[in-house]
């Protein structure tokens, strides 16, 4: 299970790097096209470049993908939000129990709410033939990150749960 988690986590890290690079290019083009359009208007030239209309929508979608996939990545590394103050005040036995409970709750939420609920959302947008306004992409493609992130978080929560169980057995 640990090996699978490592492989998935490494691949996810590469995907996140690509997403950040693409988002940087998207936002960079958005800024550059606006500046070029403004410059050509001030100079009285014909419009060299139209301000990009699709980049704002694409950057928003990229941000959503980064946030959800980044949350899964952070969960695997143990860098997600938590109440460390309470956790540190617990004794070793209660800390392990709390870790098991948190891993189980995060895993259940991830699989059932994000995974299955996200899958229902994707299926609904497919049935309704919803498309993005500027790009014309299927919304199902955009929303597909929700079940993907849910399943990744579920996998990482299961891995943490099993790791805590193994430590408890020692």
C-alpha atoms as a PDB file:
ATOM      1  CA  UNK A   1       0.000   0.000   0.000  1.00  0.00           C
ATOM      2  CA  UNK A   2       2.859   2.367   0.815  1.00  0.00           C
ATOM      3  CA  UNK A   3       4.480   1.761  -2.582  1.00  0.00           C
ATOM      4  CA  UNK A   4       1.222   2.544  -4.381  1.00  0.00           C
ATOM      5  CA  UNK A   5       0.877   5.738  -2.337  1.00  0.00           C
ATOM      6  CA  UNK A   6       4.429   6.771  -3.210  1.00  0.00           C
ATOM      7  CA  UNK A   7       3.922   6.186  -6.936  1.00  0.00           C
ATOM      8  CA  UNK A   8       0.578   8.018  -7.031  1.00  0.00           C
ATOM      9  CA  UNK A   9       1.980  10.872  -4.911  1.00  0.00           C
ATOM     10  CA  UNK A  10       5.009  11.285  -7.194  1.00  0.00           C
ATOM     11  CA  UNK A  11       2.808  11.311 -10.311  1.00  0.00           C
ATOM     12  CA  UNK A  12       0.454  13.790  -8.648  1.00  0.00           C
ATOM     13  CA  UNK A  13       3.407  16.053  -7.872  1.00  0.00           C
ATOM     14  CA  UNK A  14       4.365  16.078 -11.554  1.00  0.00           C
ATOM     15  CA  UNK A  15       0.789  16.866 -12.575  1.00  0.00           C
ATOM     16  CA  UNK A  16       0.736  19.787 -10.132  1.00  0.00           C
ATOM     17  CA  UNK A  17       3.991  21.175 -11.548  1.00  0.00           C
ATOM     18  CA  UNK A  18       2.522  21.043 -15.065  1.00  0.00           C
ATOM     19  CA  UNK A  19      -0.685  22.709 -13.860  1.00  0.00           C
ATOM     20  CA  UNK A  20       1.244  25.537 -12.199  1.00  0.00           C
ATOM     21  CA  UNK A  21       3.293  26.050 -15.372  1.00  0.00           C
ATOM     22  CA  UNK A  22       0.167  26.085 -17.555  1.00  0.00           C
ATOM     23  CA  UNK A  23      -1.600  28.471 -15.203  1.00  0.00           C
ATOM     24  CA  UNK A  24       1.427  30.777 -15.263  1.00  0.00           C
ATOM     25  CA  UNK A  25       1.344  30.801 -19.066  1.00  0.00           C
ATOM     26  CA  UNK A  26      -2.426  31.354 -19.105  1.00  0.00           C
ATOM     27  CA  UNK A  27      -2.338  34.295 -16.718  1.00  0.00           C
ATOM     28  CA  UNK A  28       0.786  35.651 -18.417  1.00  0.00           C
ATOM     29  CA  UNK A  29      -0.975  35.647 -21.786  1.00  0.00           C
ATOM     30  CA  UNK A  30      -4.029  37.283 -20.222  1.00  0.00           C
ATOM     31  CA  UNK A  31      -1.917  40.146 -18.854  1.00  0.00           C
ATOM     32  CA  UNK A  32       0.188  40.474 -22.018  1.00  0.00           C
ATOM     33  CA  UNK A  33      -2.835  40.575 -24.342  1.00  0.00           C
ATOM     34  CA  UNK A  34      -4.475  43.291 -22.256  1.00  0.00           C
ATOM     35  CA  UNK A  35      -1.276  45.335 -22.167  1.00  0.00           C
ATOM     36  CA  UNK A  36      -0.731  44.972 -25.926  1.00  0.00           C
ATOM     37  CA  UNK A  37      -4.325  45.975 -26.647  1.00  0.00           C
ATOM     38  CA  UNK A  38      -4.070  49.003 -24.350  1.00  0.00           C
ATOM     39  CA  UNK A  39      -0.732  49.991 -25.874  1.00  0.00           C
ATOM     40  CA  UNK A  40      -2.021  49.807 -29.446  1.00  0.00           C
ATOM     41  CA  UNK A  41      -5.109  51.859 -28.511  1.00  0.00           C
ATOM     42  CA  UNK A  42      -2.958  54.575 -26.896  1.00  0.00           C
ATOM     43  CA  UNK A  43      -0.711  54.735 -29.938  1.00  0.00           C
ATOM     44  CA  UNK A  44      -3.723  55.044 -32.225  1.00  0.00           C
ATOM     45  CA  UNK A  45      -2.782  51.872 -34.082  1.00  0.00           C
ATOM     46  CA  UNK A  46      -5.223  49.244 -35.197  1.00  0.00           C
ATOM     47  CA  UNK A  47      -5.702  46.696 -32.436  1.00  0.00           C
ATOM     48  CA  UNK A  48      -2.616  44.460 -32.542  1.00  0.00           C
ATOM     49  CA  UNK A  49      -4.056  41.888 -30.181  1.00  0.00           C
ATOM     50  CA  UNK A  50      -7.578  41.509 -28.830  1.00  0.00           C
ATOM     51  CA  UNK A  51      -7.638  41.178 -25.050  1.00  0.00           C
ATOM     52  CA  UNK A  52      -7.944  37.487 -24.341  1.00  0.00           C
ATOM     53  CA  UNK A  53     -11.422  36.473 -23.220  1.00  0.00           C
ATOM     54  CA  UNK A  54     -10.894  32.779 -22.598  1.00  0.00           C
ATOM     55  CA  UNK A  55      -7.871  33.001 -20.307  1.00  0.00           C
ATOM     56  CA  UNK A  56      -9.809  34.200 -17.268  1.00  0.00           C
ATOM     57  CA  UNK A  57     -12.125  31.197 -17.452  1.00  0.00           C
ATOM     58  CA  UNK A  58      -9.265  28.773 -18.052  1.00  0.00           C
ATOM     59  CA  UNK A  59      -7.222  30.215 -15.170  1.00  0.00           C
ATOM     60  CA  UNK A  60     -10.213  29.750 -12.851  1.00  0.00           C
ATOM     61  CA  UNK A  61     -10.535  26.105 -13.870  1.00  0.00           C
ATOM     62  CA  UNK A  62      -6.812  25.567 -13.467  1.00  0.00           C
ATOM     63  CA  UNK A  63      -6.984  27.089  -9.995  1.00  0.00           C
ATOM     64  CA  UNK A  64      -9.805  24.727  -9.006  1.00  0.00           C
ATOM     65  CA  UNK A  65      -7.817  21.727 -10.248  1.00  0.00           C
ATOM     66  CA  UNK A  66      -4.705  22.958  -8.429  1.00  0.00           C
ATOM     67  CA  UNK A  67      -6.609  23.461  -5.176  1.00  0.00           C
ATOM     68  CA  UNK A  68      -8.266  20.043  -5.126  1.00  0.00           C
ATOM     69  CA  UNK A  69      -5.305  18.037  -6.384  1.00  0.00           C
ATOM     70  CA  UNK A  70      -2.993  20.097  -4.157  1.00  0.00           C
ATOM     71  CA  UNK A  71      -5.176  19.224  -1.164  1.00  0.00           C
ATOM     72  CA  UNK A  72      -4.726  15.533  -1.950  1.00  0.00           C
ATOM     73  CA  UNK A  73      -0.974  16.044  -2.312  1.00  0.00           C
ATOM     74  CA  UNK A  74      -0.787  17.886   1.017  1.00  0.00           C
ATOM     75  CA  UNK A  75      -2.864  15.178   2.725  1.00  0.00           C
ATOM     76  CA  UNK A  76      -0.341  12.510   1.740  1.00  0.00           C
ATOM     77  CA  UNK A  77       2.476  14.619   3.180  1.00  0.00           C
ATOM     78  CA  UNK A  78       0.574  15.331   6.392  1.00  0.00           C
ATOM     79  CA  UNK A  79       0.570  19.047   5.656  1.00  0.00           C
ATOM     80  CA  UNK A  80      -3.187  19.592   5.660  1.00  0.00           C
ATOM     81  CA  UNK A  81      -4.929  21.822   8.169  1.00  0.00           C
ATOM     82  CA  UNK A  82      -5.374  20.395  11.629  1.00  0.00           C
ATOM     83  CA  UNK A  83      -5.664  21.266  15.299  1.00  0.00           C
ATOM     84  CA  UNK A  84      -2.139  20.501  16.435  1.00  0.00           C
ATOM     85  CA  UNK A  85      -2.700  22.081  19.840  1.00  0.00           C
ATOM     86  CA  UNK A  86      -5.272  19.461  20.818  1.00  0.00           C
ATOM     87  CA  UNK A  87      -3.321  16.656  19.161  1.00  0.00           C
ATOM     88  CA  UNK A  88      -0.122  17.500  21.061  1.00  0.00           C
ATOM     89  CA  UNK A  89      -1.915  17.510  24.427  1.00  0.00           C
ATOM     90  CA  UNK A  90      -3.053  13.907  23.987  1.00  0.00           C
ATOM     91  CA  UNK A  91      -1.017  11.024  25.322  1.00  0.00           C
ATOM     92  CA  UNK A  92       0.520   8.529  22.888  1.00  0.00           C
ATOM     93  CA  UNK A  93      -2.372   6.041  23.054  1.00  0.00           C
ATOM     94  CA  UNK A  94      -5.049   8.704  22.619  1.00  0.00           C
ATOM     95  CA  UNK A  95      -3.001  10.382  19.877  1.00  0.00           C
ATOM     96  CA  UNK A  96      -2.996   7.115  17.918  1.00  0.00           C
ATOM     97  CA  UNK A  97      -6.749   6.750  18.420  1.00  0.00           C
ATOM     98  CA  UNK A  98      -7.284  10.326  17.267  1.00  0.00           C
ATOM     99  CA  UNK A  99      -5.093   9.703  14.211  1.00  0.00           C
ATOM    100  CA  UNK A 100      -7.132   6.596  13.346  1.00  0.00           C
ATOM    101  CA  UNK A 101     -10.394   8.478  13.786  1.00  0.00           C
ATOM    102  CA  UNK A 102      -9.231  11.427  11.687  1.00  0.00           C
ATOM    103  CA  UNK A 103      -7.942   9.148   8.921  1.00  0.00           C
ATOM    104  CA  UNK A 104     -11.229   7.217   8.895  1.00  0.00           C
ATOM    105  CA  UNK A 105     -13.328  10.398   8.807  1.00  0.00           C
ATOM    106  CA  UNK A 106     -11.202  12.022   6.100  1.00  0.00           C
ATOM    107  CA  UNK A 107     -11.279   8.812   4.064  1.00  0.00           C
ATOM    108  CA  UNK A 108     -15.054   8.434   4.391  1.00  0.00           C
ATOM    109  CA  UNK A 109     -15.673  12.087   3.497  1.00  0.00           C
ATOM    110  CA  UNK A 110     -13.265  11.890   0.568  1.00  0.00           C
ATOM    111  CA  UNK A 111     -14.721   8.732  -0.921  1.00  0.00           C
ATOM    112  CA  UNK A 112     -18.416   9.328  -0.276  1.00  0.00           C
ATOM    113  CA  UNK A 113     -18.805  13.098  -0.542  1.00  0.00           C
ATOM    114  CA  UNK A 114     -16.056  14.042  -2.983  1.00  0.00           C
ATOM    115  CA  UNK A 115     -15.686  10.750  -4.851  1.00  0.00           C
ATOM    116  CA  UNK A 116     -19.265   9.538  -5.206  1.00  0.00           C
ATOM    117  CA  UNK A 117     -20.904  12.961  -4.913  1.00  0.00           C
ATOM    118  CA  UNK A 118     -18.448  14.358  -7.450  1.00  0.00           C
ATOM    119  CA  UNK A 119     -19.167  11.455  -9.779  1.00  0.00           C
ATOM    120  CA  UNK A 120     -22.889  12.242  -9.549  1.00  0.00           C
ATOM    121  CA  UNK A 121     -22.104  15.877 -10.367  1.00  0.00           C
ATOM    122  CA  UNK A 122     -20.082  14.842 -13.419  1.00  0.00           C
ATOM    123  CA  UNK A 123     -22.837  12.494 -14.599  1.00  0.00           C
ATOM    124  CA  UNK A 124     -25.461  15.216 -14.144  1.00  0.00           C
ATOM    125  CA  UNK A 125     -23.470  17.719 -16.209  1.00  0.00           C
ATOM    126  CA  UNK A 126     -23.029  15.099 -18.934  1.00  0.00           C
ATOM    127  CA  UNK A 127     -26.788  14.488 -19.022  1.00  0.00           C
ATOM    128  CA  UNK A 128     -27.524  18.226 -19.122  1.00  0.00           C
ATOM    129  CA  UNK A 129     -24.876  18.849 -21.814  1.00  0.00           C
ATOM    130  CA  UNK A 130     -23.463  21.788 -19.846  1.00  0.00           C
ATOM    131  CA  UNK A 131     -20.587  23.675 -21.429  1.00  0.00           C
ATOM    132  CA  UNK A 132     -18.279  26.445 -20.267  1.00  0.00           C
ATOM    133  CA  UNK A 133     -19.200  29.909 -21.511  1.00  0.00           C
ATOM    134  CA  UNK A 134     -15.928  31.117 -23.054  1.00  0.00           C
ATOM    135  CA  UNK A 135     -14.162  27.909 -24.043  1.00  0.00           C
ATOM    136  CA  UNK A 136     -17.193  25.757 -24.837  1.00  0.00           C
ATOM    137  CA  UNK A 137     -15.685  22.785 -22.991  1.00  0.00           C
ATOM    138  CA  UNK A 138     -17.935  20.201 -21.326  1.00  0.00           C
ATOM    139  CA  UNK A 139     -18.424  21.090 -17.656  1.00  0.00           C
ATOM    140  CA  UNK A 140     -18.047  17.395 -16.873  1.00  0.00           C
ATOM    141  CA  UNK A 141     -14.372  17.748 -17.809  1.00  0.00           C
ATOM    142  CA  UNK A 142     -13.970  20.631 -15.369  1.00  0.00           C
ATOM    143  CA  UNK A 143     -15.903  18.921 -12.558  1.00  0.00           C
ATOM    144  CA  UNK A 144     -14.105  15.604 -13.010  1.00  0.00           C
ATOM    145  CA  UNK A 145     -11.399  16.832 -10.652  1.00  0.00           C
ATOM    146  CA  UNK A 146     -13.818  16.475  -7.715  1.00  0.00           C
ATOM    147  CA  UNK A 147     -14.155  12.659  -7.828  1.00  0.00           C
ATOM    148  CA  UNK A 148     -10.514  12.248  -8.850  1.00  0.00           C
ATOM    149  CA  UNK A 149      -9.332  14.293  -5.866  1.00  0.00           C
ATOM    150  CA  UNK A 150     -11.785  12.450  -3.613  1.00  0.00           C
ATOM    151  CA  UNK A 151     -10.444   9.067  -4.625  1.00  0.00           C
ATOM    152  CA  UNK A 152      -6.841  10.236  -4.220  1.00  0.00           C
ATOM    153  CA  UNK A 153      -7.606  11.627  -0.766  1.00  0.00           C
ATOM    154  CA  UNK A 154      -9.401   8.393   0.113  1.00  0.00           C
ATOM    155  CA  UNK A 155      -6.343   6.388  -0.952  1.00  0.00           C
ATOM    156  CA  UNK A 156      -3.999   8.592   1.068  1.00  0.00           C
ATOM    157  CA  UNK A 157      -6.299   8.504   4.127  1.00  0.00           C
ATOM    158  CA  UNK A 158      -6.437   4.682   3.934  1.00  0.00           C
ATOM    159  CA  UNK A 159      -2.653   4.612   3.699  1.00  0.00           C
ATOM    160  CA  UNK A 160      -2.364   6.847   6.806  1.00  0.00           C
ATOM    161  CA  UNK A 161      -4.908   4.681   8.653  1.00  0.00           C
ATOM    162  CA  UNK A 162      -2.977   1.479   7.878  1.00  0.00           C
ATOM    163  CA  UNK A 163       0.340   3.131   8.784  1.00  0.00           C
ATOM    164  CA  UNK A 164      -1.076   4.181  12.167  1.00  0.00           C
ATOM    165  CA  UNK A 165      -2.380   0.650  12.750  1.00  0.00           C
ATOM    166  CA  UNK A 166       1.059  -0.808  11.988  1.00  0.00           C
ATOM    167  CA  UNK A 167       2.704   1.643  14.397  1.00  0.00           C
ATOM    168  CA  UNK A 168       0.157   0.764  17.073  1.00  0.00           C
ATOM    169  CA  UNK A 169       0.915  -2.948  16.708  1.00  0.00           C
ATOM    170  CA  UNK A 170       4.593  -2.393  17.503  1.00  0.00           C
END
